[in-house]
C-alpha cells in the first residue's frame, strides 16, 4: 500500500486566459495533516478543485493512490477515498440532518467503516439535537459540522477542508478545531485551508504556502513557528 495518497506534479491550471496555478508540486502522505496557506486569490481553492476534478488542469498531473486522475470525474475522485468540504459548505438545504448524513454513508477504499452514523453523532452532539431540522434551518457553524460529518460518513483516506472556520463565531471555531484534531488522531490524512495560521499549525505536520499560484514555502509547523518572518513576508501576519 503506497504511503503517498495524493501527488501533484508540475500542475498548471487556468480560469479562461488567467493562469492560476504555476508548475505546482504538492503531495499528501498517509496519516499526514497539511496546512495550505496563502492570501486570498493565491490559488489555494484552485489547487483543491484541481485535485477533486472540479477544475481540469491545462498541464501537469494529479495522482490519487498512484493512479493518474486528471480526466476522472468528481465522483470518481471521491470514490478513490477523497472527501471534500468546500468553501460555502454545499449541504442540501431541503434535506434533514439525518438525510444529509445517511445519503453519504459508505465503506472506505479498504472496506473500513470506522465512521458510522452513531460515531458522527457522538462527535457532533449539536447535530444530534437537530436531526429533524432541514439543512437551511441550521446556523453556519452547524452547517459546517454537518458538512464535515457527511464527509466522514464516506470513511475517507483524505479529508479536504477549504476555509474550515471562515465566518464562524469563536466558540464554534474552537469546536471545529477540536474536531480537526480528532480527525488527525483517527489516522485520516487532511488538507486544511484557513486564515488562522496559529490554529492550523497547532494541528498540521507540514505547511505549504502559495503566492500567485506558486509554492514559495514548505515546512513543518515547528519551522513555521521558529521563523515568523516567513509568514510576515508571504501572509502579512
C-alpha atoms as a PDB file:
ATOM      1  CA  UNK A   1       0.000   0.000   0.000  1.00  0.00           C
ATOM      2  CA  UNK A   2       1.529   3.297  -1.116  1.00  0.00           C
ATOM      3  CA  UNK A   3       2.441   5.869   1.509  1.00  0.00           C
ATOM      4  CA  UNK A   4       1.619   8.731  -0.887  1.00  0.00           C
ATOM      5  CA  UNK A   5      -2.126   9.275  -1.201  1.00  0.00           C
ATOM      6  CA  UNK A   6      -2.138  12.410  -3.379  1.00  0.00           C
ATOM      7  CA  UNK A   7       0.667  13.618  -5.632  1.00  0.00           C
ATOM      8  CA  UNK A   8       0.539  16.722  -7.808  1.00  0.00           C
ATOM      9  CA  UNK A   9       3.302  17.200 -10.381  1.00  0.00           C
ATOM     10  CA  UNK A  10       4.085  20.395 -12.305  1.00  0.00           C
ATOM     11  CA  UNK A  11       0.423  21.393 -12.281  1.00  0.00           C
ATOM     12  CA  UNK A  12      -0.817  24.331 -14.339  1.00  0.00           C
ATOM     13  CA  UNK A  13      -4.476  25.332 -14.034  1.00  0.00           C
ATOM     14  CA  UNK A  14      -6.314  28.214 -15.681  1.00  0.00           C
ATOM     15  CA  UNK A  15      -9.612  30.039 -15.484  1.00  0.00           C
ATOM     16  CA  UNK A  16     -10.075  31.075 -19.090  1.00  0.00           C
ATOM     17  CA  UNK A  17      -6.937  33.026 -20.013  1.00  0.00           C
ATOM     18  CA  UNK A  18      -5.931  33.552 -16.366  1.00  0.00           C
ATOM     19  CA  UNK A  19      -3.001  31.339 -15.347  1.00  0.00           C
ATOM     20  CA  UNK A  20      -3.791  30.440 -11.716  1.00  0.00           C
ATOM     21  CA  UNK A  21      -1.515  27.513 -10.726  1.00  0.00           C
ATOM     22  CA  UNK A  22       2.059  27.576 -11.994  1.00  0.00           C
ATOM     23  CA  UNK A  23       4.047  24.331 -12.003  1.00  0.00           C
ATOM     24  CA  UNK A  24       2.760  23.316  -8.570  1.00  0.00           C
ATOM     25  CA  UNK A  25       4.205  20.236  -6.870  1.00  0.00           C
ATOM     26  CA  UNK A  26       2.328  19.004  -3.826  1.00  0.00           C
ATOM     27  CA  UNK A  27       1.741  15.719  -2.027  1.00  0.00           C
ATOM     28  CA  UNK A  28      -0.140  14.189   0.871  1.00  0.00           C
ATOM     29  CA  UNK A  29       1.169  11.118   2.657  1.00  0.00           C
ATOM     30  CA  UNK A  30      -0.786   8.628   4.712  1.00  0.00           C
ATOM     31  CA  UNK A  31      -1.619   9.979   8.173  1.00  0.00           C
ATOM     32  CA  UNK A  32      -0.347  13.473   7.347  1.00  0.00           C
ATOM     33  CA  UNK A  33      -2.170  16.729   8.080  1.00  0.00           C
ATOM     34  CA  UNK A  34      -1.166  19.630   5.823  1.00  0.00           C
ATOM     35  CA  UNK A  35      -1.909  23.339   6.132  1.00  0.00           C
ATOM     36  CA  UNK A  36      -2.371  25.061   2.766  1.00  0.00           C
ATOM     37  CA  UNK A  37      -1.771  28.776   3.236  1.00  0.00           C
ATOM     38  CA  UNK A  38      -1.733  31.975   1.216  1.00  0.00           C
ATOM     39  CA  UNK A  39      -3.509  35.286   0.863  1.00  0.00           C
ATOM     40  CA  UNK A  40      -6.865  35.438  -0.935  1.00  0.00           C
ATOM     41  CA  UNK A  41      -6.622  34.747  -4.645  1.00  0.00           C
ATOM     42  CA  UNK A  42      -3.299  32.911  -4.497  1.00  0.00           C
ATOM     43  CA  UNK A  43      -4.620  29.598  -5.838  1.00  0.00           C
ATOM     44  CA  UNK A  44      -5.436  27.543  -2.735  1.00  0.00           C
ATOM     45  CA  UNK A  45      -9.009  26.689  -3.694  1.00  0.00           C
ATOM     46  CA  UNK A  46      -7.973  26.143  -7.314  1.00  0.00           C
ATOM     47  CA  UNK A  47      -5.414  23.565  -6.191  1.00  0.00           C
ATOM     48  CA  UNK A  48      -8.068  21.740  -4.166  1.00  0.00           C
ATOM     49  CA  UNK A  49     -10.534  21.867  -7.067  1.00  0.00           C
ATOM     50  CA  UNK A  50      -7.841  20.594  -9.445  1.00  0.00           C
ATOM     51  CA  UNK A  51      -7.259  17.630  -7.144  1.00  0.00           C
ATOM     52  CA  UNK A  52     -11.010  16.942  -6.962  1.00  0.00           C
ATOM     53  CA  UNK A  53     -11.557  17.169 -10.720  1.00  0.00           C
ATOM     54  CA  UNK A  54     -13.718  20.291 -10.493  1.00  0.00           C
ATOM     55  CA  UNK A  55     -11.051  22.222 -12.415  1.00  0.00           C
ATOM     56  CA  UNK A  56      -9.276  20.411 -15.262  1.00  0.00           C
ATOM     57  CA  UNK A  57      -5.540  21.232 -15.302  1.00  0.00           C
ATOM     58  CA  UNK A  58      -4.064  22.557 -18.553  1.00  0.00           C
ATOM     59  CA  UNK A  59      -0.868  20.583 -17.950  1.00  0.00           C
ATOM     60  CA  UNK A  60       0.829  18.513 -15.269  1.00  0.00           C
ATOM     61  CA  UNK A  61      -0.544  15.517 -13.407  1.00  0.00           C
ATOM     62  CA  UNK A  62      -2.632  14.608 -10.378  1.00  0.00           C
ATOM     63  CA  UNK A  63      -2.179  11.117  -8.959  1.00  0.00           C
ATOM     64  CA  UNK A  64      -4.530   9.673  -6.334  1.00  0.00           C
ATOM     65  CA  UNK A  65      -3.489   6.396  -4.746  1.00  0.00           C
ATOM     66  CA  UNK A  66      -0.896   6.122  -7.519  1.00  0.00           C
ATOM     67  CA  UNK A  67      -3.434   6.437 -10.341  1.00  0.00           C
ATOM     68  CA  UNK A  68      -3.472   9.414 -12.691  1.00  0.00           C
ATOM     69  CA  UNK A  69      -6.773  11.196 -12.159  1.00  0.00           C
ATOM     70  CA  UNK A  70      -6.639  14.230 -14.491  1.00  0.00           C
ATOM     71  CA  UNK A  71      -9.530  13.021 -16.640  1.00  0.00           C
ATOM     72  CA  UNK A  72     -11.573  11.476 -13.829  1.00  0.00           C
ATOM     73  CA  UNK A  73     -14.937  12.942 -12.896  1.00  0.00           C
ATOM     74  CA  UNK A  74     -15.594  14.358  -9.441  1.00  0.00           C
ATOM     75  CA  UNK A  75     -17.491  11.290  -8.236  1.00  0.00           C
ATOM     76  CA  UNK A  76     -14.669   9.010  -9.419  1.00  0.00           C
ATOM     77  CA  UNK A  77     -12.160  11.046  -7.392  1.00  0.00           C
ATOM     78  CA  UNK A  78     -14.451  10.806  -4.354  1.00  0.00           C
ATOM     79  CA  UNK A  79     -14.654   7.032  -4.838  1.00  0.00           C
ATOM     80  CA  UNK A  80     -10.868   6.902  -4.553  1.00  0.00           C
ATOM     81  CA  UNK A  81     -11.162   7.992  -0.932  1.00  0.00           C
ATOM     82  CA  UNK A  82     -11.060  11.800  -1.125  1.00  0.00           C
ATOM     83  CA  UNK A  83     -13.719  13.749   0.811  1.00  0.00           C
ATOM     84  CA  UNK A  84     -14.131  17.461   0.079  1.00  0.00           C
ATOM     85  CA  UNK A  85     -15.641  20.091   2.371  1.00  0.00           C
ATOM     86  CA  UNK A  86     -15.853  23.126   0.067  1.00  0.00           C
ATOM     87  CA  UNK A  87     -15.910  26.776   0.939  1.00  0.00           C
ATOM     88  CA  UNK A  88     -19.620  27.531   1.214  1.00  0.00           C
ATOM     89  CA  UNK A  89     -20.271  24.024   2.624  1.00  0.00           C
ATOM     90  CA  UNK A  90     -22.574  22.670  -0.086  1.00  0.00           C
ATOM     91  CA  UNK A  91     -25.110  20.960   2.152  1.00  0.00           C
ATOM     92  CA  UNK A  92     -28.544  20.021   0.839  1.00  0.00           C
ATOM     93  CA  UNK A  93     -30.817  22.601   2.425  1.00  0.00           C
ATOM     94  CA  UNK A  94     -34.037  20.750   1.593  1.00  0.00           C
ATOM     95  CA  UNK A  95     -32.832  17.546   3.287  1.00  0.00           C
ATOM     96  CA  UNK A  96     -32.792  16.911   7.032  1.00  0.00           C
ATOM     97  CA  UNK A  97     -29.629  16.411   9.062  1.00  0.00           C
ATOM     98  CA  UNK A  98     -30.320  12.666   9.106  1.00  0.00           C
ATOM     99  CA  UNK A  99     -30.767  12.562   5.323  1.00  0.00           C
ATOM    100  CA  UNK A 100     -27.642  14.617   4.651  1.00  0.00           C
ATOM    101  CA  UNK A 101     -25.611  12.164   6.719  1.00  0.00           C
ATOM    102  CA  UNK A 102     -27.158   8.883   5.654  1.00  0.00           C
ATOM    103  CA  UNK A 103     -27.032   9.628   1.924  1.00  0.00           C
ATOM    104  CA  UNK A 104     -23.212   9.770   2.169  1.00  0.00           C
ATOM    105  CA  UNK A 105     -22.708   6.579   4.209  1.00  0.00           C
ATOM    106  CA  UNK A 106     -20.412   4.025   2.601  1.00  0.00           C
ATOM    107  CA  UNK A 107     -17.316   1.972   3.436  1.00  0.00           C
ATOM    108  CA  UNK A 108     -13.880   3.351   2.609  1.00  0.00           C
ATOM    109  CA  UNK A 109     -11.475   2.182  -0.072  1.00  0.00           C
ATOM    110  CA  UNK A 110     -10.217  -0.657   2.139  1.00  0.00           C
ATOM    111  CA  UNK A 111     -13.705  -1.585   3.333  1.00  0.00           C
ATOM    112  CA  UNK A 112     -13.276   0.371   6.558  1.00  0.00           C
ATOM    113  CA  UNK A 113     -16.409   1.515   8.387  1.00  0.00           C
ATOM    114  CA  UNK A 114     -14.766   3.405  11.242  1.00  0.00           C
ATOM    115  CA  UNK A 115     -17.051   6.431  10.866  1.00  0.00           C
ATOM    116  CA  UNK A 116     -20.591   5.246  11.427  1.00  0.00           C
ATOM    117  CA  UNK A 117     -23.745   7.323  11.803  1.00  0.00           C
ATOM    118  CA  UNK A 118     -23.562   6.787  15.573  1.00  0.00           C
ATOM    119  CA  UNK A 119     -19.921   7.868  15.785  1.00  0.00           C
ATOM    120  CA  UNK A 120     -20.586  11.030  13.794  1.00  0.00           C
ATOM    121  CA  UNK A 121     -23.418  11.995  16.148  1.00  0.00           C
ATOM    122  CA  UNK A 122     -21.188  11.327  19.159  1.00  0.00           C
ATOM    123  CA  UNK A 123     -18.561  13.599  17.608  1.00  0.00           C
ATOM    124  CA  UNK A 124     -21.123  16.324  16.794  1.00  0.00           C
ATOM    125  CA  UNK A 125     -23.592  16.353  19.707  1.00  0.00           C
ATOM    126  CA  UNK A 126     -25.057  19.603  18.409  1.00  0.00           C
ATOM    127  CA  UNK A 127     -26.235  17.775  15.281  1.00  0.00           C
ATOM    128  CA  UNK A 128     -27.798  15.043  17.414  1.00  0.00           C
ATOM    129  CA  UNK A 129     -30.113  17.684  18.844  1.00  0.00           C
ATOM    130  CA  UNK A 130     -31.205  18.780  15.346  1.00  0.00           C
ATOM    131  CA  UNK A 131     -31.708  15.535  13.437  1.00  0.00           C
ATOM    132  CA  UNK A 132     -35.072  16.542  12.005  1.00  0.00           C
ATOM    133  CA  UNK A 133     -34.014  20.059  11.023  1.00  0.00           C
ATOM    134  CA  UNK A 134     -33.520  20.898   7.367  1.00  0.00           C
ATOM    135  CA  UNK A 135     -30.058  21.972   6.307  1.00  0.00           C
ATOM    136  CA  UNK A 136     -31.289  25.518   5.682  1.00  0.00           C
ATOM    137  CA  UNK A 137     -32.513  25.759   9.294  1.00  0.00           C
ATOM    138  CA  UNK A 138     -29.029  25.265  10.763  1.00  0.00           C
ATOM    139  CA  UNK A 139     -26.631  28.025  11.793  1.00  0.00           C
ATOM    140  CA  UNK A 140     -23.418  28.488   9.838  1.00  0.00           C
ATOM    141  CA  UNK A 141     -21.430  26.562  12.430  1.00  0.00           C
ATOM    142  CA  UNK A 142     -23.941  23.723  12.470  1.00  0.00           C
ATOM    143  CA  UNK A 143     -23.855  23.563   8.682  1.00  0.00           C
ATOM    144  CA  UNK A 144     -20.064  23.258   8.802  1.00  0.00           C
ATOM    145  CA  UNK A 145     -20.334  20.452  11.342  1.00  0.00           C
ATOM    146  CA  UNK A 146     -22.882  18.716   9.113  1.00  0.00           C
ATOM    147  CA  UNK A 147     -20.646  19.018   6.071  1.00  0.00           C
ATOM    148  CA  UNK A 148     -17.656  17.583   7.938  1.00  0.00           C
ATOM    149  CA  UNK A 149     -19.834  14.836   9.407  1.00  0.00           C
ATOM    150  CA  UNK A 150     -21.181  13.984   5.964  1.00  0.00           C
ATOM    151  CA  UNK A 151     -17.617  13.779   4.604  1.00  0.00           C
ATOM    152  CA  UNK A 152     -16.611  11.446   7.438  1.00  0.00           C
ATOM    153  CA  UNK A 153     -19.558   9.161   6.628  1.00  0.00           C
ATOM    154  CA  UNK A 154     -17.686   8.236   3.413  1.00  0.00           C
ATOM    155  CA  UNK A 155     -14.821   6.860   5.552  1.00  0.00           C
ATOM    156  CA  UNK A 156     -12.233   8.784   3.532  1.00  0.00           C
ATOM    157  CA  UNK A 157      -8.482   8.347   3.321  1.00  0.00           C
ATOM    158  CA  UNK A 158      -8.059  12.117   2.819  1.00  0.00           C
ATOM    159  CA  UNK A 159     -10.323  14.918   4.074  1.00  0.00           C
ATOM    160  CA  UNK A 160     -10.031  18.315   2.373  1.00  0.00           C
ATOM    161  CA  UNK A 161     -11.298  21.334   4.332  1.00  0.00           C
ATOM    162  CA  UNK A 162     -11.480  24.619   2.425  1.00  0.00           C
ATOM    163  CA  UNK A 163     -11.853  27.633   4.787  1.00  0.00           C
ATOM    164  CA  UNK A 164     -12.525  25.438   7.791  1.00  0.00           C
ATOM    165  CA  UNK A 165     -13.749  28.167  10.167  1.00  0.00           C
ATOM    166  CA  UNK A 166     -14.463  31.175   7.941  1.00  0.00           C
ATOM    167  CA  UNK A 167     -17.278  33.339   9.292  1.00  0.00           C
ATOM    168  CA  UNK A 168     -17.829  31.203  12.392  1.00  0.00           C
ATOM    169  CA  UNK A 169     -18.168  32.536  15.936  1.00  0.00           C
ATOM    170  CA  UNK A 170     -15.047  31.925  18.075  1.00  0.00           C
ATOM    171  CA  UNK A 171     -16.781  29.308  20.230  1.00  0.00           C
ATOM    172  CA  UNK A 172     -17.901  27.320  17.184  1.00  0.00           C
ATOM    173  CA  UNK A 173     -14.489  27.743  15.526  1.00  0.00           C
ATOM    174  CA  UNK A 174     -12.839  26.194  18.585  1.00  0.00           C
ATOM    175  CA  UNK A 175     -15.180  23.237  18.269  1.00  0.00           C
ATOM    176  CA  UNK A 176     -14.218  22.796  14.602  1.00  0.00           C
ATOM    177  CA  UNK A 177     -10.516  22.836  15.528  1.00  0.00           C
ATOM    178  CA  UNK A 178     -11.167  20.228  18.210  1.00  0.00           C
ATOM    179  CA  UNK A 179     -12.839  18.039  15.615  1.00  0.00           C
ATOM    180  CA  UNK A 180      -9.947  18.568  13.149  1.00  0.00           C
ATOM    181  CA  UNK A 181      -7.550  17.384  15.832  1.00  0.00           C
ATOM    182  CA  UNK A 182      -9.735  14.341  16.499  1.00  0.00           C
ATOM    183  CA  UNK A 183      -9.783  13.528  12.768  1.00  0.00           C
ATOM    184  CA  UNK A 184      -5.999  13.707  12.700  1.00  0.00           C
ATOM    185  CA  UNK A 185      -5.760  11.365  15.685  1.00  0.00           C
ATOM    186  CA  UNK A 186      -8.048   8.899  13.884  1.00  0.00           C
ATOM    187  CA  UNK A 187      -5.427   8.492  11.150  1.00  0.00           C
ATOM    188  CA  UNK A 188      -7.241  10.259   8.318  1.00  0.00           C
ATOM    189  CA  UNK A 189      -4.963  12.500   6.241  1.00  0.00           C
ATOM    190  CA  UNK A 190      -6.153  16.098   5.872  1.00  0.00           C
ATOM    191  CA  UNK A 191      -5.565  19.251   3.865  1.00  0.00           C
ATOM    192  CA  UNK A 192      -6.742  22.297   5.801  1.00  0.00           C
ATOM    193  CA  UNK A 193      -7.177  25.801   4.417  1.00  0.00           C
ATOM    194  CA  UNK A 194      -7.888  28.518   6.963  1.00  0.00           C
ATOM    195  CA  UNK A 195      -6.771  32.080   7.609  1.00  0.00           C
ATOM    196  CA  UNK A 196      -5.970  31.393  11.279  1.00  0.00           C
ATOM    197  CA  UNK A 197      -2.423  30.096  10.870  1.00  0.00           C
ATOM    198  CA  UNK A 198      -1.933  29.709  14.634  1.00  0.00           C
ATOM    199  CA  UNK A 199      -4.735  27.172  14.904  1.00  0.00           C
ATOM    200  CA  UNK A 200      -3.764  25.489  11.636  1.00  0.00           C
ATOM    201  CA  UNK A 201      -0.160  24.943  12.706  1.00  0.00           C
ATOM    202  CA  UNK A 202      -1.210  23.520  16.067  1.00  0.00           C
ATOM    203  CA  UNK A 203      -2.714  20.605  14.159  1.00  0.00           C
ATOM    204  CA  UNK A 204      -0.644  20.226  10.981  1.00  0.00           C
ATOM    205  CA  UNK A 205       2.531  18.239  10.416  1.00  0.00           C
ATOM    206  CA  UNK A 206       3.552  20.255   7.378  1.00  0.00           C
ATOM    207  CA  UNK A 207       2.559  23.534   5.739  1.00  0.00           C
ATOM    208  CA  UNK A 208       2.643  24.820   2.171  1.00  0.00           C
ATOM    209  CA  UNK A 209       2.367  28.494   1.199  1.00  0.00           C
ATOM    210  CA  UNK A 210       1.142  29.587  -2.237  1.00  0.00           C
ATOM    211  CA  UNK A 211       1.885  33.010  -3.708  1.00  0.00           C
ATOM    212  CA  UNK A 212       0.419  33.841  -7.120  1.00  0.00           C
ATOM    213  CA  UNK A 213      -0.121  30.177  -7.855  1.00  0.00           C
ATOM    214  CA  UNK A 214       3.398  29.053  -6.966  1.00  0.00           C
ATOM    215  CA  UNK A 215       4.676  27.116  -3.960  1.00  0.00           C
ATOM    216  CA  UNK A 216       7.040  29.529  -2.207  1.00  0.00           C
ATOM    217  CA  UNK A 217       7.457  27.711   1.108  1.00  0.00           C
ATOM    218  CA  UNK A 218       7.093  24.234   2.536  1.00  0.00           C
ATOM    219  CA  UNK A 219       7.985  23.272   6.082  1.00  0.00           C
ATOM    220  CA  UNK A 220       6.948  21.708   9.359  1.00  0.00           C
ATOM    221  CA  UNK A 221       4.788  23.548  11.859  1.00  0.00           C
ATOM    222  CA  UNK A 222       7.798  23.808  14.188  1.00  0.00           C
ATOM    223  CA  UNK A 223       9.754  25.504  11.396  1.00  0.00           C
ATOM    224  CA  UNK A 224       6.892  27.942  10.778  1.00  0.00           C
ATOM    225  CA  UNK A 225       6.834  28.944  14.452  1.00  0.00           C
ATOM    226  CA  UNK A 226      10.616  29.265  14.506  1.00  0.00           C
ATOM    227  CA  UNK A 227      10.627  31.633  11.504  1.00  0.00           C
ATOM    228  CA  UNK A 228       7.665  34.016  11.846  1.00  0.00           C
ATOM    229  CA  UNK A 229       9.280  36.303   9.272  1.00  0.00           C
ATOM    230  CA  UNK A 230       8.225  33.777   6.612  1.00  0.00           C
ATOM    231  CA  UNK A 231       4.584  34.291   7.493  1.00  0.00           C
ATOM    232  CA  UNK A 232       5.035  38.042   7.620  1.00  0.00           C
ATOM    233  CA  UNK A 233       6.567  38.014   4.146  1.00  0.00           C
ATOM    234  CA  UNK A 234       4.028  35.776   2.447  1.00  0.00           C
ATOM    235  CA  UNK A 235       0.854  36.144   4.515  1.00  0.00           C
ATOM    236  CA  UNK A 236       1.262  39.597   6.017  1.00  0.00           C
ATOM    237  CA  UNK A 237       0.743  38.325   9.593  1.00  0.00           C
END
